[in-house]
Protein backbone atom coordinates (compact mmCIF):
# COMPACT_ATOMS: atom_id res chain seq x y z
CA UNK A 1 0.00 0.00 0.00
CA UNK A 2 1.31 3.44 -0.91
CA UNK A 3 2.35 5.60 2.02
CA UNK A 4 0.69 8.96 1.37
CA UNK A 5 1.36 10.42 4.80
CA UNK A 6 3.34 13.67 5.17
CA UNK A 7 6.28 11.65 6.47
CA UNK A 8 6.55 9.91 3.09
CA UNK A 9 7.61 13.13 1.37
CA UNK A 10 11.21 13.21 0.17
CA UNK A 11 13.69 15.93 -0.70
CA UNK A 12 15.05 15.35 -4.19
CA UNK A 13 18.13 17.32 -5.34
CA UNK A 14 17.48 18.80 -8.78
CA UNK A 15 20.69 20.85 -9.09
CA UNK A 16 23.18 22.59 -6.82
CA UNK A 17 21.11 24.49 -4.19
CA UNK A 18 17.90 23.46 -5.98
CA UNK A 19 15.51 20.92 -4.46
CA UNK A 20 12.19 19.25 -5.01
CA UNK A 21 9.84 18.28 -2.19
CA UNK A 22 7.99 15.29 -3.62
CA UNK A 23 4.85 13.94 -1.97
CA UNK A 24 3.65 10.49 -3.03
CA UNK A 25 1.48 9.56 -4.71
CA UNK A 26 0.65 12.89 -6.32
CA UNK A 27 -3.11 12.27 -6.33
CA UNK A 28 -5.82 14.82 -5.44
CA UNK A 29 -4.44 17.50 -3.09
CA UNK A 30 -1.05 15.77 -2.70
CA UNK A 31 1.28 18.12 -4.55
CA UNK A 32 4.97 18.79 -4.99
CA UNK A 33 6.82 21.88 -3.77
CA UNK A 34 10.33 23.13 -4.40
CA UNK A 35 12.93 25.28 -2.72
CA UNK A 36 16.15 27.06 -3.58
CA UNK A 37 18.76 27.36 -0.83
CA UNK A 38 20.53 30.72 -0.93
CA UNK A 39 22.50 30.19 2.29
CA UNK A 40 21.00 32.90 4.45
CA UNK A 41 17.53 32.70 2.96
CA UNK A 42 15.33 30.31 1.01
CA UNK A 43 12.87 30.71 -1.84
CA UNK A 44 9.97 28.26 -1.55
CA UNK A 45 7.80 27.21 -4.48
CA UNK A 46 4.23 26.51 -3.27
CA UNK A 47 2.82 25.23 0.00
CA UNK A 48 0.53 22.25 0.64
CA UNK A 49 -3.17 21.53 0.98
CA UNK A 50 -3.38 20.94 4.72
CA UNK A 51 -1.94 22.39 7.90
CA UNK A 52 -0.18 19.15 8.77
CA UNK A 53 1.42 18.75 5.34
CA UNK A 54 2.59 22.36 5.22
CA UNK A 55 4.10 22.18 8.70
CA UNK A 56 5.99 19.04 7.64
CA UNK A 57 7.17 20.84 4.48
CA UNK A 58 8.46 23.85 6.40
CA UNK A 59 10.19 21.70 9.00
CA UNK A 60 11.95 19.73 6.25
CA UNK A 61 12.99 22.86 4.36
CA UNK A 62 14.41 24.48 7.50
CA UNK A 63 16.25 21.28 8.43
CA UNK A 64 17.71 20.98 4.93
CA UNK A 65 18.76 24.59 4.43
CA UNK A 66 19.26 25.85 7.97
CA UNK A 67 17.75 29.16 6.89
CA UNK A 68 14.27 30.68 6.96
CA UNK A 69 11.94 30.95 3.99
CA UNK A 70 11.98 34.60 3.00
CA UNK A 71 10.13 34.34 -0.32
CA UNK A 72 7.22 32.12 -1.33
CA UNK A 73 6.06 31.71 -4.94
CA UNK A 74 2.63 30.31 -5.83
CA UNK A 75 2.34 28.54 -9.19
CA UNK A 76 -1.47 29.01 -9.28
CA UNK A 77 -4.43 29.48 -6.96
CA UNK A 78 -5.54 25.89 -6.27
CA UNK A 79 -5.62 25.01 -2.60
CA UNK A 80 -3.14 22.15 -2.78
CA UNK A 81 -0.53 24.78 -3.69
CA UNK A 82 -1.71 27.71 -1.55
CA UNK A 83 -3.68 26.59 1.52
CA UNK A 84 -0.53 26.62 3.66
CA UNK A 85 0.61 30.11 2.64
CA UNK A 86 -0.36 31.59 6.00
CA UNK A 87 2.10 29.32 7.82
CA UNK A 88 5.13 30.78 6.03
CA UNK A 89 5.42 33.62 8.49
CA UNK A 90 7.77 36.45 7.66
CA UNK A 91 7.98 35.55 3.98
CA UNK A 92 6.76 37.67 1.07
CA UNK A 93 4.28 35.79 -1.12
CA UNK A 94 4.52 36.25 -4.90
CA UNK A 95 1.95 35.13 -7.45
CA UNK A 96 0.09 36.06 -10.57
CA UNK A 97 -2.40 38.91 -10.24
CA UNK A 98 -5.29 36.51 -10.88
CA UNK A 99 -3.99 34.17 -8.18
CA UNK A 100 -4.42 36.97 -5.68
CA UNK A 101 -7.83 37.91 -7.05
CA UNK A 102 -9.15 34.35 -6.89
CA UNK A 103 -7.78 33.60 -3.42
CA UNK A 104 -9.16 36.88 -2.10
CA UNK A 105 -12.57 36.13 -3.60
CA UNK A 106 -12.83 32.42 -2.80
CA UNK A 107 -10.80 31.92 0.37
CA UNK A 108 -10.19 28.34 1.46
CA UNK A 109 -12.11 25.88 -0.71
CA UNK A 110 -12.73 22.46 0.90
CA UNK A 111 -15.31 21.22 -1.64
CA UNK A 112 -17.41 19.46 0.99
CA UNK A 113 -19.39 16.57 -0.49
CA UNK A 114 -17.02 16.28 -3.44
CA UNK A 115 -13.87 15.03 -1.72
CA UNK A 116 -13.83 12.79 1.34
CA UNK A 117 -10.93 11.85 3.60
CA UNK A 118 -9.08 15.16 3.93
CA UNK A 119 -7.50 16.21 7.22
CA UNK A 120 -7.45 19.96 6.58
CA UNK A 121 -6.48 21.19 10.06
CA UNK A 122 -6.70 24.91 10.69
CA UNK A 123 -6.45 26.87 7.45
CA UNK A 124 -6.52 30.59 6.72
CA UNK A 125 -6.39 32.21 3.32
CA UNK A 126 -3.33 34.26 2.45
CA UNK A 127 -3.23 35.62 -1.10
CA UNK A 128 0.05 36.80 -2.63
CA UNK A 129 1.13 40.31 -1.61
CA UNK A 130 3.40 40.80 -4.64
CA UNK A 131 1.74 40.21 -8.00
CA UNK A 132 2.73 40.34 -11.66
CA UNK A 133 1.02 39.86 -15.00
CA UNK A 134 3.54 38.41 -17.46
CA UNK A 135 7.05 37.89 -16.09
CA UNK A 136 9.03 38.59 -12.96
CA UNK A 137 12.63 37.71 -12.07
CA UNK A 138 13.87 37.10 -8.55
CA UNK A 139 17.09 35.74 -7.13
CA UNK A 140 17.95 33.26 -4.43
CA UNK A 141 21.53 34.35 -3.89
CA UNK A 142 23.11 33.93 -7.32
CA UNK A 143 20.37 31.61 -8.59
CA UNK A 144 18.09 33.37 -11.07
CA UNK A 145 14.42 32.39 -10.98
CA UNK A 146 12.24 33.59 -13.84
CA UNK A 147 8.51 33.53 -13.14
CA UNK A 148 6.61 33.12 -16.40
CA UNK A 149 2.88 33.29 -17.08
CA UNK A 150 2.15 31.63 -20.45
CA UNK A 151 -0.04 34.57 -21.46
CA UNK A 152 -3.39 32.80 -21.37
CA UNK A 153 -5.39 30.15 -19.55
CA UNK A 154 -4.03 26.60 -19.40
CA UNK A 155 -4.47 24.43 -16.30
CA UNK A 156 -5.97 27.57 -14.75
CA UNK A 157 -6.10 31.23 -15.75
CA UNK A 158 -3.10 32.06 -13.53
CA UNK A 159 -0.43 29.41 -14.02
CA UNK A 160 3.18 30.36 -13.30
CA UNK A 161 6.32 28.52 -14.38
CA UNK A 162 9.36 28.99 -12.15
CA UNK A 163 12.32 28.64 -14.52
CA UNK A 164 15.94 28.47 -13.39
CA UNK A 165 17.94 29.11 -16.59
CA UNK A 166 21.34 28.41 -15.02
CA UNK A 167 20.80 24.76 -14.05
CA UNK A 168 17.89 24.44 -16.54
CA UNK A 169 15.46 23.34 -13.86
CA UNK A 170 11.74 24.01 -14.25
CA UNK A 171 9.20 24.07 -11.44
CA UNK A 172 6.20 23.51 -13.70
CA UNK A 173 3.33 23.66 -11.23
CA UNK A 174 0.30 21.87 -12.62
CA UNK A 175 1.16 22.58 -16.23
CA UNK A 176 2.81 19.16 -15.97
CA UNK A 177 1.28 16.07 -14.37
CA UNK A 178 3.46 12.97 -14.27
CA UNK A 179 1.37 9.84 -13.86
CA UNK A 180 -1.92 11.61 -13.19
CA UNK A 181 -4.63 12.79 -15.55
CA UNK A 182 -4.28 16.48 -16.50
CA UNK A 183 -7.21 18.62 -15.35
CA UNK A 184 -8.29 21.55 -17.51
CA UNK A 185 -11.76 22.28 -16.11
CA UNK A 186 -10.74 25.64 -14.62
CA UNK A 187 -8.52 26.66 -17.53
CA UNK A 188 -8.41 25.68 -21.18
CA UNK A 189 -7.65 22.51 -23.11
CA UNK A 190 -6.49 24.46 -26.17
CA UNK A 191 -4.66 27.04 -24.09
CA UNK A 192 -2.82 24.33 -22.17
CA UNK A 193 -1.64 22.79 -25.42
CA UNK A 194 -0.25 26.19 -26.40
CA UNK A 195 1.38 26.61 -22.97
CA UNK A 196 3.30 23.38 -23.47
CA UNK A 197 5.14 25.13 -26.31
CA UNK A 198 6.47 27.61 -23.76
CA UNK A 199 7.96 24.71 -21.81
CA UNK A 200 9.43 23.16 -24.94
CA UNK A 201 11.11 26.45 -25.84
CA UNK A 202 12.73 26.61 -22.40
CA UNK A 203 14.13 23.11 -22.98
CA UNK A 204 14.54 22.16 -19.30
CA UNK A 205 16.95 19.42 -18.30
CA UNK A 206 14.75 18.43 -15.37
CA UNK A 207 11.15 19.25 -14.53
CA UNK A 208 9.46 19.11 -11.16
CA UNK A 209 5.77 18.63 -12.00
CA UNK A 210 2.96 19.73 -9.74
CA UNK A 211 2.13 16.07 -9.13
CA UNK A 212 4.29 12.98 -9.64
CA UNK A 213 8.03 12.47 -9.61
CA UNK A 214 10.68 14.60 -11.35
CA UNK A 215 10.68 14.09 -15.09
CA UNK A 216 11.87 15.40 -18.44
CA UNK A 217 10.18 16.63 -21.59
CA UNK A 218 8.74 13.18 -22.28
CA UNK A 219 6.14 13.90 -19.57
CA UNK A 220 5.25 17.13 -21.37
CA UNK A 221 4.60 15.11 -24.52
CA UNK A 222 2.31 12.76 -22.60
CA UNK A 223 0.32 15.73 -21.29
CA UNK A 224 0.09 17.08 -24.83
CA UNK A 225 -1.15 13.79 -26.26
CA UNK A 226 -3.76 13.51 -23.51
CA UNK A 227 -5.09 17.01 -24.15
CA UNK A 228 -5.22 16.38 -27.89
CA UNK A 229 -7.08 13.14 -27.14
CA UNK A 230 -9.61 15.10 -25.07
CA UNK A 231 -10.13 17.53 -27.94
CA UNK A 232 -10.65 14.78 -30.53
CA UNK A 233 -12.94 12.85 -28.18
CA UNK A 234 -15.02 15.98 -27.60
CA UNK A 235 -15.34 16.57 -31.34
CA UNK A 236 -16.59 13.02 -31.79
CA UNK A 237 -19.03 13.31 -28.90
CA UNK A 238 -20.45 16.63 -30.04
CA UNK A 239 -21.02 15.25 -33.53
CA UNK A 240 -22.83 12.25 -32.04
CA UNK A 241 -25.01 14.40 -29.78
CA UNK A 242 -23.60 12.91 -26.57
CA UNK A 243 -23.33 14.75 -23.28
CA UNK A 244 -19.87 14.99 -21.71
CA UNK A 245 -20.83 12.34 -19.15
CA UNK A 246 -22.27 9.98 -21.75
CA UNK A 247 -19.15 10.42 -23.84
CA UNK A 248 -16.80 9.86 -20.88
CA UNK A 249 -18.55 6.61 -19.95
CA UNK A 250 -18.12 5.13 -23.42
CA UNK A 251 -14.58 6.40 -24.07
CA UNK A 252 -11.69 3.96 -24.30
CA UNK A 253 -8.75 5.79 -22.72
CA UNK A 254 -6.21 3.68 -24.60
CA UNK A 255 -2.66 4.69 -23.66
CA UNK A 256 -4.06 6.94 -20.92
CA UNK A 257 -5.86 4.15 -19.06
CA UNK A 258 -2.94 3.89 -16.63
CA UNK A 259 -3.19 7.53 -15.54
CA UNK A 260 -4.72 8.12 -12.13
CA UNK A 261 -7.76 10.35 -11.45
CA UNK A 262 -9.71 9.19 -14.51
CA UNK A 263 -12.77 10.95 -13.08
CA UNK A 264 -11.25 14.15 -14.46
CA UNK A 265 -12.24 13.11 -17.98
CA UNK A 266 -15.86 14.39 -17.89
CA UNK A 267 -14.65 17.68 -16.40
CA UNK A 268 -12.11 18.03 -19.18
CA UNK A 269 -14.80 17.23 -21.75
CA UNK A 270 -17.05 19.98 -20.34
CA UNK A 271 -14.23 22.46 -20.97
CA UNK A 272 -13.51 21.04 -24.44
CA UNK A 273 -17.22 21.19 -25.34
CA UNK A 274 -17.35 24.86 -24.28
CA UNK A 275 -14.37 25.65 -26.47
CA UNK A 276 -15.96 23.85 -29.41
CA UNK A 277 -18.96 26.15 -28.84
CA UNK A 278 -16.68 29.17 -29.12
CA UNK A 279 -15.87 29.89 -25.46
CA UNK A 280 -12.67 31.85 -24.93
CA UNK A 281 -9.79 30.14 -23.16
CA UNK A 282 -10.47 30.30 -19.43
CA UNK A 283 -14.03 31.61 -19.79
CA UNK A 284 -16.48 30.86 -16.98
CA UNK A 285 -18.46 27.67 -17.55
CA UNK A 286 -20.88 25.68 -15.38
CA UNK A 287 -18.47 24.12 -12.89
CA UNK A 288 -21.29 22.62 -10.83
CA UNK A 289 -22.56 20.64 -13.82
CA UNK A 290 -19.04 19.48 -14.65
CA UNK A 291 -18.21 18.40 -11.10
CA UNK A 292 -21.60 16.68 -10.80
CA UNK A 293 -20.69 14.64 -13.86
CA UNK A 294 -17.30 13.82 -12.37
CA UNK A 295 -19.00 12.47 -9.25
CA UNK A 296 -21.43 10.45 -11.38
CA UNK A 297 -18.53 9.04 -13.40
CA UNK A 298 -16.76 8.17 -10.13
CA UNK A 299 -20.01 6.74 -8.69
CA UNK A 300 -19.77 8.89 -5.60
CA UNK A 301 -17.51 11.35 -3.75
CA UNK A 302 -13.84 11.29 -4.69
CA UNK A 303 -11.49 9.71 -2.15
CA UNK A 304 -8.79 12.14 -1.12
CA UNK A 305 -5.75 11.31 0.99
CA UNK A 306 -4.63 14.80 1.95
């Protein structure tokens, strides 16, 4: 049985001074974080979904670096990457402008009745205090970190890549899933495909995905094939007059059958259907209907191990 407890997380060196904090098994609300050790201060990439997981993260980072976290970067607004922001006391929080807007408007989202099994602990919303729209560069000592928004919706409307050009390490946030099904409901299937070109142009030597173990560009290609598969499946379903749920139930996932979180398929199809109807990338759609279909596909609430 997979150990998904906070104690199962491991620190994975990605380059000199550059680390990944990898939480198995990368399923719902079990994300990866990263940190860059600058000697007298540390830049942290993302927090975790629960109080317990974030406290374990911060304890591990402090033990590894011996220095406090002075800067925190959020790769997007989803709670598995931001719920623990408030625990990083004394650090400045940086994120995309829309990350701040969404966290300020929505607060902590626990999605009661949708996910079961989470041990949230005490959580308080803390949106980024420093925001940007397109690009921002910061330094951890001599290590340059370029924060890059792809320019449009992808996984969400506010995704941020943290690119370290020196060692060619990319903290990809949820623009890359490694082993799990990509989830475009709150962003754009077409926009995500375009955002993958940004990653290809960077040509990273190593990628820390938002979920799953460190990887290379082959994982980006898998994400791209999955999203293209969703688009083609949606085109077929629309032509046949099927609803997203009906289509999801009859779809053979083929090479993607081994990906976890297959209940994301109807949600992705809702987004793909909207785009086929002319919706702009990242436009508001009926999330309740999409999530209801995900629960129906899953035959009940989604088990979460956070």
